[in-house]
Amino acid sequence: MKRLIQIELIKLQNSKASKVLIFIYFLLLTSISLIAAIKFDIGPVKFHLAEQGIFNFPMIWHFNTYIAAIFKFFLLLVIVSMITNEYSNRTLKQNLIDGLSKKEFILSKFYLVLILSAISTVFVFVVSLVLGYFYSDYNELQIVFSNLEYLVAFFVKLVGFFSFGLFIGMLIKRSAFTVGAMFVWMFSEGIIHGLLQWKFHETKEVIPMITQFLPFTSMSNLIKQPFGRLKAIKTVASQVGERLNYDYAVHWYDLLIVMAWIAIFIYSSYRILLKRDL
């Protein structure tokens, strides 16, 4: 395991584009703190985002993991380029000649996925902890460290997303086409949602029962949008007579579905490499 990780880290160090993308990614994660500065003063209406409770413990874990997950495309490019460069630079064939088995090659890429996801999760934890202690109205340890399941969901979401990129990269072998294929898949899931809404418009509760098993939808279900928890949204909803009964929790079955997809993606990547004539 250590040898495989060292191989990937050496490759990463020698890739200037990957280092730039990783730097931009973590810079964007740090910029979450700038959200606190967002203010809208339109006549009598004054809106300060930091005062809406987004940086209060424990809501900050939900809000920050949701926002941080948006930036995951930068690390996806790193994963995809690391895969496709193996083919274009013929380093994959050379690694196999030097004694690296096909199973070890896939494992080395998966270890890279785990490392980048783990570092991202720790980074979001630290940033959220600092912001929370600076802005939160609640600093009791029991409150501060509650709802940490959002960090677990964030980690699993990243691993699932990057594993999907690893699988598509192994399948297509071209960076641009790989990213394009993932967007096509995402668009296809949107079409499936639309068709199901048309088909089951009278029994809409059936739709999430089906779509929860789609790859991108299952990843999206891990951390649901947090904006309905904002004080301003709740106030507006109450004024118009609406009740926001939205389920924001991280559910074990959502985690299980994504972990099943991770296993499928990694195993499928291995089978592709096993059958491919290099």
C-alpha atoms as a PDB file:
ATOM      1  CA  MET A   1       0.000   0.000   0.000  1.00  0.00           C
ATOM      2  CA  LYS A   2       2.750   2.442   0.982  1.00  0.00           C
ATOM      3  CA  ARG A   3       4.651   1.738  -2.257  1.00  0.00           C
ATOM      4  CA  LEU A   4       1.550   2.344  -4.383  1.00  0.00           C
ATOM      5  CA  ILE A   5       0.811   5.620  -2.615  1.00  0.00           C
ATOM      6  CA  GLN A   6       4.409   6.775  -3.093  1.00  0.00           C
ATOM      7  CA  ILE A   7       4.179   6.044  -6.821  1.00  0.00           C
ATOM      8  CA  GLU A   8       1.036   8.181  -7.157  1.00  0.00           C
ATOM      9  CA  LEU A   9       2.453  11.026  -5.083  1.00  0.00           C
ATOM     10  CA  ILE A  10       5.574  11.130  -7.267  1.00  0.00           C
ATOM     11  CA  LYS A  11       3.404  11.318 -10.382  1.00  0.00           C
ATOM     12  CA  LEU A  12       1.345  14.054  -8.752  1.00  0.00           C
ATOM     13  CA  GLN A  13       4.434  16.076  -7.860  1.00  0.00           C
ATOM     14  CA  ASN A  14       5.621  15.929 -11.463  1.00  0.00           C
ATOM     15  CA  SER A  15       2.324  17.228 -12.842  1.00  0.00           C
ATOM     16  CA  LYS A  16       2.239  21.039 -12.829  1.00  0.00           C
ATOM     17  CA  ALA A  17      -1.378  21.155 -14.034  1.00  0.00           C
ATOM     18  CA  SER A  18      -2.526  18.889 -11.204  1.00  0.00           C
ATOM     19  CA  LYS A  19      -0.715  20.993  -8.594  1.00  0.00           C
ATOM     20  CA  VAL A  20      -2.358  24.162  -9.954  1.00  0.00           C
ATOM     21  CA  LEU A  21      -5.824  22.558  -9.872  1.00  0.00           C
ATOM     22  CA  ILE A  22      -5.299  21.295  -6.316  1.00  0.00           C
ATOM     23  CA  PHE A  23      -4.142  24.759  -5.221  1.00  0.00           C
ATOM     24  CA  ILE A  24      -7.218  26.391  -6.812  1.00  0.00           C
ATOM     25  CA  TYR A  25      -9.477  23.810  -5.175  1.00  0.00           C
ATOM     26  CA  PHE A  26      -8.189  24.414  -1.656  1.00  0.00           C
ATOM     27  CA  LEU A  27      -8.156  28.164  -2.269  1.00  0.00           C
ATOM     28  CA  LEU A  28     -11.856  27.947  -3.138  1.00  0.00           C
ATOM     29  CA  LEU A  29     -12.527  25.910  -0.004  1.00  0.00           C
ATOM     30  CA  THR A  30     -10.835  28.629   2.034  1.00  0.00           C
ATOM     31  CA  SER A  31     -12.958  31.263   0.266  1.00  0.00           C
ATOM     32  CA  ILE A  32     -16.070  29.844   1.949  1.00  0.00           C
ATOM     33  CA  SER A  33     -15.248  32.322   4.697  1.00  0.00           C
ATOM     34  CA  LEU A  34     -15.976  35.162   2.245  1.00  0.00           C
ATOM     35  CA  ILE A  35     -19.640  34.149   2.248  1.00  0.00           C
ATOM     36  CA  ALA A  36     -19.865  35.858   5.631  1.00  0.00           C
ATOM     37  CA  ALA A  37     -19.222  39.188   3.922  1.00  0.00           C
ATOM     38  CA  ILE A  38     -22.251  38.900   1.594  1.00  0.00           C
ATOM     39  CA  LYS A  39     -24.719  41.687   2.341  1.00  0.00           C
ATOM     40  CA  PHE A  40     -27.741  43.053   0.507  1.00  0.00           C
ATOM     41  CA  ASP A  41     -29.029  46.502   1.446  1.00  0.00           C
ATOM     42  CA  ILE A  42     -31.978  47.347  -0.792  1.00  0.00           C
ATOM     43  CA  GLY A  43     -33.947  50.155   0.802  1.00  0.00           C
ATOM     44  CA  PRO A  44     -35.522  48.854   3.996  1.00  0.00           C
ATOM     45  CA  VAL A  45     -34.464  45.296   3.219  1.00  0.00           C
ATOM     46  CA  LYS A  46     -31.150  44.418   4.836  1.00  0.00           C
ATOM     47  CA  PHE A  47     -29.783  40.901   4.375  1.00  0.00           C
ATOM     48  CA  HIS A  48     -26.522  39.729   5.908  1.00  0.00           C
ATOM     49  CA  LEU A  49     -25.852  36.066   5.129  1.00  0.00           C
ATOM     50  CA  ALA A  50     -23.705  35.473   8.218  1.00  0.00           C
ATOM     51  CA  GLU A  51     -26.632  36.547  10.395  1.00  0.00           C
ATOM     52  CA  GLN A  52     -28.870  33.858   8.917  1.00  0.00           C
ATOM     53  CA  GLY A  53     -27.254  31.215  11.116  1.00  0.00           C
ATOM     54  CA  ILE A  54     -25.227  29.443   8.414  1.00  0.00           C
ATOM     55  CA  PHE A  55     -22.084  29.613  10.548  1.00  0.00           C
ATOM     56  CA  ASN A  56     -23.777  28.548  13.747  1.00  0.00           C
ATOM     57  CA  PHE A  57     -22.855  25.173  15.181  1.00  0.00           C
ATOM     58  CA  PRO A  58     -24.004  22.604  14.219  1.00  0.00           C
ATOM     59  CA  MET A  59     -25.576  23.967  10.988  1.00  0.00           C
ATOM     60  CA  ILE A  60     -22.156  25.030   9.716  1.00  0.00           C
ATOM     61  CA  TRP A  61     -21.245  21.376   9.087  1.00  0.00           C
ATOM     62  CA  HIS A  62     -24.241  21.027   6.774  1.00  0.00           C
ATOM     63  CA  PHE A  63     -23.766  24.340   4.960  1.00  0.00           C
ATOM     64  CA  ASN A  64     -19.991  24.138   4.445  1.00  0.00           C
ATOM     65  CA  THR A  65     -19.943  20.524   3.244  1.00  0.00           C
ATOM     66  CA  TYR A  66     -22.711  21.333   0.760  1.00  0.00           C
ATOM     67  CA  ILE A  67     -20.864  24.383  -0.624  1.00  0.00           C
ATOM     68  CA  ALA A  68     -17.462  22.628  -0.604  1.00  0.00           C
ATOM     69  CA  ALA A  69     -18.884  19.723  -2.622  1.00  0.00           C
ATOM     70  CA  ILE A  70     -19.600  22.146  -5.477  1.00  0.00           C
ATOM     71  CA  PHE A  71     -15.856  22.658  -5.978  1.00  0.00           C
ATOM     72  CA  LYS A  72     -15.118  18.929  -6.357  1.00  0.00           C
ATOM     73  CA  PHE A  73     -14.892  19.265 -10.153  1.00  0.00           C
ATOM     74  CA  PHE A  74     -11.389  20.722  -9.778  1.00  0.00           C
ATOM     75  CA  LEU A  75     -10.148  17.558  -8.077  1.00  0.00           C
ATOM     76  CA  LEU A  76     -12.068  15.481 -10.627  1.00  0.00           C
ATOM     77  CA  LEU A  77      -9.874  17.005 -13.338  1.00  0.00           C
ATOM     78  CA  VAL A  78      -6.814  15.916 -11.356  1.00  0.00           C
ATOM     79  CA  ILE A  79      -8.071  12.330 -11.087  1.00  0.00           C
ATOM     80  CA  VAL A  80      -9.106  12.151 -14.737  1.00  0.00           C
ATOM     81  CA  SER A  81      -5.855  13.649 -16.018  1.00  0.00           C
ATOM     82  CA  MET A  82      -3.833  11.229 -13.885  1.00  0.00           C
ATOM     83  CA  ILE A  83      -5.715   8.334 -15.514  1.00  0.00           C
ATOM     84  CA  THR A  84      -5.694   9.523 -19.108  1.00  0.00           C
ATOM     85  CA  ASN A  85      -2.039  10.591 -18.945  1.00  0.00           C
ATOM     86  CA  GLU A  86      -1.156   6.996 -18.106  1.00  0.00           C
ATOM     87  CA  TYR A  87      -2.359   6.064 -21.587  1.00  0.00           C
ATOM     88  CA  SER A  88      -1.126   9.084 -23.549  1.00  0.00           C
ATOM     89  CA  ASN A  89       2.340   8.999 -21.915  1.00  0.00           C
ATOM     90  CA  ARG A  90       2.461   5.185 -22.002  1.00  0.00           C
ATOM     91  CA  THR A  91       3.415   5.110 -18.319  1.00  0.00           C
ATOM     92  CA  LEU A  92       0.738   2.489 -17.671  1.00  0.00           C
ATOM     93  CA  LYS A  93       2.466  -0.007 -19.951  1.00  0.00           C
ATOM     94  CA  GLN A  94       5.840   0.862 -18.443  1.00  0.00           C
ATOM     95  CA  ASN A  95       4.503   0.370 -14.900  1.00  0.00           C
ATOM     96  CA  LEU A  96       3.228  -3.072 -15.833  1.00  0.00           C
ATOM     97  CA  ILE A  97       6.555  -3.962 -17.437  1.00  0.00           C
ATOM     98  CA  ASP A  98       8.332  -2.834 -14.246  1.00  0.00           C
ATOM     99  CA  GLY A  99       6.320  -5.337 -12.224  1.00  0.00           C
ATOM    100  CA  LEU A 100       3.180  -3.445 -11.174  1.00  0.00           C
ATOM    101  CA  SER A 101       0.132  -5.698 -11.549  1.00  0.00           C
ATOM    102  CA  LYS A 102      -3.117  -4.418 -13.042  1.00  0.00           C
ATOM    103  CA  LYS A 103      -4.810  -4.835  -9.678  1.00  0.00           C
ATOM    104  CA  GLU A 104      -2.101  -2.759  -7.990  1.00  0.00           C
ATOM    105  CA  PHE A 105      -2.446  -0.087 -10.663  1.00  0.00           C
ATOM    106  CA  ILE A 106      -6.183   0.326  -9.993  1.00  0.00           C
ATOM    107  CA  LEU A 107      -5.570   0.237  -6.243  1.00  0.00           C
ATOM    108  CA  SER A 108      -2.940   2.971  -6.551  1.00  0.00           C
ATOM    109  CA  LYS A 109      -5.493   5.225  -8.271  1.00  0.00           C
ATOM    110  CA  PHE A 110      -8.129   4.380  -5.687  1.00  0.00           C
ATOM    111  CA  TYR A 111      -5.701   5.204  -2.880  1.00  0.00           C
ATOM    112  CA  LEU A 112      -5.152   8.592  -4.536  1.00  0.00           C
ATOM    113  CA  VAL A 113      -8.927   9.100  -4.561  1.00  0.00           C
ATOM    114  CA  LEU A 114      -9.103   8.230  -0.849  1.00  0.00           C
ATOM    115  CA  ILE A 115      -6.187  10.523   0.036  1.00  0.00           C
ATOM    116  CA  LEU A 116      -7.555  13.558  -1.823  1.00  0.00           C
ATOM    117  CA  SER A 117     -11.021  12.966  -0.363  1.00  0.00           C
ATOM    118  CA  ALA A 118      -9.645  12.578   3.171  1.00  0.00           C
ATOM    119  CA  ILE A 119      -7.477  15.706   2.936  1.00  0.00           C
ATOM    120  CA  SER A 120     -10.460  17.669   1.602  1.00  0.00           C
ATOM    121  CA  THR A 121     -12.636  16.461   4.469  1.00  0.00           C
ATOM    122  CA  VAL A 122     -10.047  17.397   7.106  1.00  0.00           C
ATOM    123  CA  PHE A 123      -9.560  20.795   5.443  1.00  0.00           C
ATOM    124  CA  VAL A 124     -13.315  21.509   5.457  1.00  0.00           C
ATOM    125  CA  PHE A 125     -13.443  20.401   9.113  1.00  0.00           C
ATOM    126  CA  VAL A 126     -10.697  22.858  10.092  1.00  0.00           C
ATOM    127  CA  VAL A 127     -12.150  25.762   8.074  1.00  0.00           C
ATOM    128  CA  SER A 128     -15.623  25.126   9.498  1.00  0.00           C
ATOM    129  CA  LEU A 129     -14.289  24.875  13.041  1.00  0.00           C
ATOM    130  CA  VAL A 130     -12.495  28.230  12.733  1.00  0.00           C
ATOM    131  CA  LEU A 131     -15.485  29.968  11.131  1.00  0.00           C
ATOM    132  CA  GLY A 132     -17.850  28.439  13.656  1.00  0.00           C
ATOM    133  CA  TYR A 133     -15.878  29.625  16.672  1.00  0.00           C
ATOM    134  CA  PHE A 134     -15.663  33.071  15.119  1.00  0.00           C
ATOM    135  CA  TYR A 135     -19.334  33.503  14.100  1.00  0.00           C
ATOM    136  CA  SER A 136     -21.401  30.901  15.972  1.00  0.00           C
ATOM    137  CA  ASP A 137     -23.694  31.837  18.840  1.00  0.00           C
ATOM    138  CA  TYR A 138     -23.208  28.373  20.335  1.00  0.00           C
ATOM    139  CA  ASN A 139     -19.765  27.195  21.407  1.00  0.00           C
ATOM    140  CA  GLU A 140     -20.584  24.337  23.801  1.00  0.00           C
ATOM    141  CA  LEU A 141     -18.594  21.226  22.858  1.00  0.00           C
ATOM    142  CA  GLN A 142     -21.697  19.056  22.726  1.00  0.00           C
ATOM    143  CA  ILE A 143     -23.212  21.393  20.117  1.00  0.00           C
ATOM    144  CA  VAL A 144     -19.955  22.038  18.256  1.00  0.00           C
ATOM    145  CA  PHE A 145     -19.300  18.366  17.583  1.00  0.00           C
ATOM    146  CA  SER A 146     -22.863  17.333  16.815  1.00  0.00           C
ATOM    147  CA  ASN A 147     -23.973  16.617  13.226  1.00  0.00           C
ATOM    148  CA  LEU A 148     -20.467  15.564  12.188  1.00  0.00           C
ATOM    149  CA  GLU A 149     -22.141  12.940  10.007  1.00  0.00           C
ATOM    150  CA  TYR A 150     -22.158  15.608   7.293  1.00  0.00           C
ATOM    151  CA  LEU A 151     -18.362  15.278   7.126  1.00  0.00           C
ATOM    152  CA  VAL A 152     -18.722  11.506   6.719  1.00  0.00           C
ATOM    153  CA  ALA A 153     -21.257  12.107   3.945  1.00  0.00           C
ATOM    154  CA  PHE A 154     -18.901  14.644   2.341  1.00  0.00           C
ATOM    155  CA  PHE A 155     -16.040  12.135   2.327  1.00  0.00           C
ATOM    156  CA  VAL A 156     -18.187   9.349   0.844  1.00  0.00           C
ATOM    157  CA  LYS A 157     -19.609  11.767  -1.732  1.00  0.00           C
ATOM    158  CA  LEU A 158     -16.128  12.764  -2.917  1.00  0.00           C
ATOM    159  CA  VAL A 159     -14.930   9.154  -3.067  1.00  0.00           C
ATOM    160  CA  GLY A 160     -18.026   8.193  -5.057  1.00  0.00           C
ATOM    161  CA  PHE A 161     -17.678  11.094  -7.486  1.00  0.00           C
ATOM    162  CA  PHE A 162     -13.954  10.548  -8.078  1.00  0.00           C
ATOM    163  CA  SER A 163     -14.438   6.785  -8.413  1.00  0.00           C
ATOM    164  CA  PHE A 164     -16.983   7.477 -11.136  1.00  0.00           C
ATOM    165  CA  GLY A 165     -14.403   9.701 -12.846  1.00  0.00           C
ATOM    166  CA  LEU A 166     -11.804   6.941 -12.479  1.00  0.00           C
ATOM    167  CA  PHE A 167     -14.154   4.437 -14.121  1.00  0.00           C
ATOM    168  CA  ILE A 168     -15.094   6.730 -17.035  1.00  0.00           C
ATOM    169  CA  GLY A 169     -11.426   7.701 -17.482  1.00  0.00           C
ATOM    170  CA  MET A 170     -10.418   4.053 -17.736  1.00  0.00           C
ATOM    171  CA  LEU A 171     -13.235   3.446 -20.198  1.00  0.00           C
ATOM    172  CA  ILE A 172     -12.661   6.408 -22.541  1.00  0.00           C
ATOM    173  CA  LYS A 173      -8.940   7.211 -22.023  1.00  0.00           C
ATOM    174  CA  ARG A 174      -9.337  10.896 -22.984  1.00  0.00           C
ATOM    175  CA  SER A 175      -9.662  13.719 -20.437  1.00  0.00           C
ATOM    176  CA  ALA A 176     -12.067  16.003 -22.303  1.00  0.00           C
ATOM    177  CA  PHE A 177     -14.307  13.135 -23.391  1.00  0.00           C
ATOM    178  CA  THR A 178     -14.324  11.712 -19.865  1.00  0.00           C
ATOM    179  CA  VAL A 179     -15.550  14.957 -18.297  1.00  0.00           C
ATOM    180  CA  GLY A 180     -18.020  15.357 -21.163  1.00  0.00           C
ATOM    181  CA  ALA A 181     -19.324  11.827 -20.625  1.00  0.00           C
ATOM    182  CA  MET A 182     -19.925  12.548 -16.938  1.00  0.00           C
ATOM    183  CA  PHE A 183     -21.948  15.657 -17.795  1.00  0.00           C
ATOM    184  CA  VAL A 184     -23.919  13.635 -20.351  1.00  0.00           C
ATOM    185  CA  TRP A 185     -24.654  11.053 -17.654  1.00  0.00           C
ATOM    186  CA  MET A 186     -25.731  13.812 -15.281  1.00  0.00           C
ATOM    187  CA  PHE A 187     -28.014  15.248 -17.981  1.00  0.00           C
ATOM    188  CA  SER A 188     -29.399  11.753 -18.647  1.00  0.00           C
ATOM    189  CA  GLU A 189     -30.361  11.370 -15.010  1.00  0.00           C
ATOM    190  CA  GLY A 190     -32.263  14.661 -15.325  1.00  0.00           C
ATOM    191  CA  ILE A 191     -34.156  13.218 -18.294  1.00  0.00           C
ATOM    192  CA  ILE A 192     -34.928  10.068 -16.287  1.00  0.00           C
ATOM    193  CA  HIS A 193     -36.303  12.243 -13.476  1.00  0.00           C
ATOM    194  CA  GLY A 194     -38.507  14.082 -15.985  1.00  0.00           C
ATOM    195  CA  LEU A 195     -39.818  10.864 -17.563  1.00  0.00           C
ATOM    196  CA  LEU A 196     -40.620   9.391 -14.157  1.00  0.00           C
ATOM    197  CA  GLN A 197     -42.476  12.565 -13.136  1.00  0.00           C
ATOM    198  CA  TRP A 198     -44.534  12.293 -16.316  1.00  0.00           C
ATOM    199  CA  LYS A 199     -45.161   8.576 -15.835  1.00  0.00           C
ATOM    200  CA  PHE A 200     -45.911   8.648 -12.099  1.00  0.00           C
ATOM    201  CA  HIS A 201     -47.439  12.132 -11.786  1.00  0.00           C
ATOM    202  CA  GLU A 202     -50.244  10.718  -9.649  1.00  0.00           C
ATOM    203  CA  THR A 203     -47.946   8.739  -7.351  1.00  0.00           C
ATOM    204  CA  LYS A 204     -44.941  11.049  -6.997  1.00  0.00           C
ATOM    205  CA  GLU A 205     -43.675   9.256  -3.886  1.00  0.00           C
ATOM    206  CA  VAL A 206     -42.554   6.435  -6.194  1.00  0.00           C
ATOM    207  CA  ILE A 207     -40.057   8.687  -8.030  1.00  0.00           C
ATOM    208  CA  PRO A 208     -37.439   9.157  -5.247  1.00  0.00           C
ATOM    209  CA  MET A 209     -37.697   5.450  -4.442  1.00  0.00           C
ATOM    210  CA  ILE A 210     -36.431   4.738  -7.973  1.00  0.00           C
ATOM    211  CA  THR A 211     -34.062   7.650  -8.602  1.00  0.00           C
ATOM    212  CA  GLN A 212     -32.210   7.232  -5.280  1.00  0.00           C
ATOM    213  CA  PHE A 213     -30.317   4.351  -6.909  1.00  0.00           C
ATOM    214  CA  LEU A 214     -28.944   6.475  -9.787  1.00  0.00           C
ATOM    215  CA  PRO A 215     -25.236   7.368  -9.313  1.00  0.00           C
ATOM    216  CA  PHE A 216     -25.362  11.174  -9.280  1.00  0.00           C
ATOM    217  CA  THR A 217     -28.724  11.309  -7.536  1.00  0.00           C
ATOM    218  CA  SER A 218     -27.502   8.993  -4.780  1.00  0.00           C
ATOM    219  CA  MET A 219     -24.447  11.226  -4.261  1.00  0.00           C
ATOM    220  CA  SER A 220     -26.652  14.324  -4.229  1.00  0.00           C
ATOM    221  CA  ASN A 221     -28.920  12.740  -1.610  1.00  0.00           C
ATOM    222  CA  LEU A 222     -26.021  12.479   0.849  1.00  0.00           C
ATOM    223  CA  ILE A 223     -25.955  16.237   1.536  1.00  0.00           C
ATOM    224  CA  LYS A 224     -29.217  17.960   0.666  1.00  0.00           C
ATOM    225  CA  GLN A 225     -29.478  21.705   0.066  1.00  0.00           C
ATOM    226  CA  PRO A 226     -29.335  23.649   3.363  1.00  0.00           C
ATOM    227  CA  PHE A 227     -30.963  26.910   2.252  1.00  0.00           C
ATOM    228  CA  GLY A 228     -34.392  26.017   3.626  1.00  0.00           C
ATOM    229  CA  ARG A 229     -32.822  26.241   7.080  1.00  0.00           C
ATOM    230  CA  LEU A 230     -31.949  29.933   6.685  1.00  0.00           C
ATOM    231  CA  LYS A 231     -33.848  32.290   8.980  1.00  0.00           C
ATOM    232  CA  ALA A 232     -34.911  34.526   6.078  1.00  0.00           C
ATOM    233  CA  ILE A 233     -36.344  31.581   4.118  1.00  0.00           C
ATOM    234  CA  LYS A 234     -38.246  30.327   7.162  1.00  0.00           C
ATOM    235  CA  THR A 235     -39.639  33.819   7.792  1.00  0.00           C
ATOM    236  CA  VAL A 236     -40.844  34.224   4.199  1.00  0.00           C
ATOM    237  CA  ALA A 237     -42.346  30.718   4.221  1.00  0.00           C
ATOM    238  CA  SER A 238     -44.267  31.392   7.436  1.00  0.00           C
ATOM    239  CA  GLN A 239     -45.573  34.691   6.096  1.00  0.00           C
ATOM    240  CA  VAL A 240     -47.064  33.011   3.022  1.00  0.00           C
ATOM    241  CA  GLY A 241     -48.436  30.136   5.069  1.00  0.00           C
ATOM    242  CA  GLU A 242     -45.965  27.484   3.929  1.00  0.00           C
ATOM    243  CA  ARG A 243     -44.323  24.905   6.169  1.00  0.00           C
ATOM    244  CA  LEU A 244     -40.856  23.687   5.230  1.00  0.00           C
ATOM    245  CA  ASN A 245     -40.900  20.026   6.221  1.00  0.00           C
ATOM    246  CA  TYR A 246     -37.687  19.098   4.453  1.00  0.00           C
ATOM    247  CA  ASP A 247     -35.571  16.135   5.493  1.00  0.00           C
ATOM    248  CA  TYR A 248     -31.987  17.406   5.871  1.00  0.00           C
ATOM    249  CA  ALA A 249     -30.603  14.355   7.686  1.00  0.00           C
ATOM    250  CA  VAL A 250     -27.812  12.074   6.464  1.00  0.00           C
ATOM    251  CA  HIS A 251     -29.322   8.597   6.146  1.00  0.00           C
ATOM    252  CA  TRP A 252     -27.412   5.325   6.419  1.00  0.00           C
ATOM    253  CA  TYR A 253     -29.099   3.879   3.342  1.00  0.00           C
ATOM    254  CA  ASP A 254     -27.922   6.819   1.198  1.00  0.00           C
ATOM    255  CA  LEU A 255     -24.365   6.156   2.375  1.00  0.00           C
ATOM    256  CA  LEU A 256     -24.792   2.465   1.609  1.00  0.00           C
ATOM    257  CA  ILE A 257     -26.028   3.123  -1.944  1.00  0.00           C
ATOM    258  CA  VAL A 258     -23.057   5.376  -2.754  1.00  0.00           C
ATOM    259  CA  MET A 259     -20.585   2.899  -1.234  1.00  0.00           C
ATOM    260  CA  ALA A 260     -22.119   0.189  -3.418  1.00  0.00           C
ATOM    261  CA  TRP A 261     -21.535   2.393  -6.477  1.00  0.00           C
ATOM    262  CA  ILE A 262     -17.923   2.968  -5.365  1.00  0.00           C
ATOM    263  CA  ALA A 263     -17.359  -0.794  -5.285  1.00  0.00           C
ATOM    264  CA  ILE A 264     -18.988  -1.151  -8.717  1.00  0.00           C
ATOM    265  CA  PHE A 265     -16.884   1.640 -10.247  1.00  0.00           C
ATOM    266  CA  ILE A 266     -13.574   0.352  -8.875  1.00  0.00           C
ATOM    267  CA  TYR A 267     -14.270  -3.262  -9.794  1.00  0.00           C
ATOM    268  CA  SER A 268     -15.464  -2.243 -13.281  1.00  0.00           C
ATOM    269  CA  SER A 269     -12.281  -0.189 -13.767  1.00  0.00           C
ATOM    270  CA  TYR A 270     -10.239  -3.252 -12.866  1.00  0.00           C
ATOM    271  CA  ARG A 271     -12.207  -5.462 -15.283  1.00  0.00           C
ATOM    272  CA  ILE A 272     -11.703  -2.938 -18.091  1.00  0.00           C
ATOM    273  CA  LEU A 273      -7.952  -2.877 -17.501  1.00  0.00           C
ATOM    274  CA  LEU A 274      -7.841  -6.656 -17.182  1.00  0.00           C
ATOM    275  CA  LYS A 275      -9.461  -7.211 -20.583  1.00  0.00           C
ATOM    276  CA  ARG A 276      -7.712  -4.357 -22.405  1.00  0.00           C
ATOM    277  CA  ASP A 277      -4.786  -5.171 -24.663  1.00  0.00           C
ATOM    278  CA  LEU A 278      -2.020  -2.694 -23.797  1.00  0.00           C
END
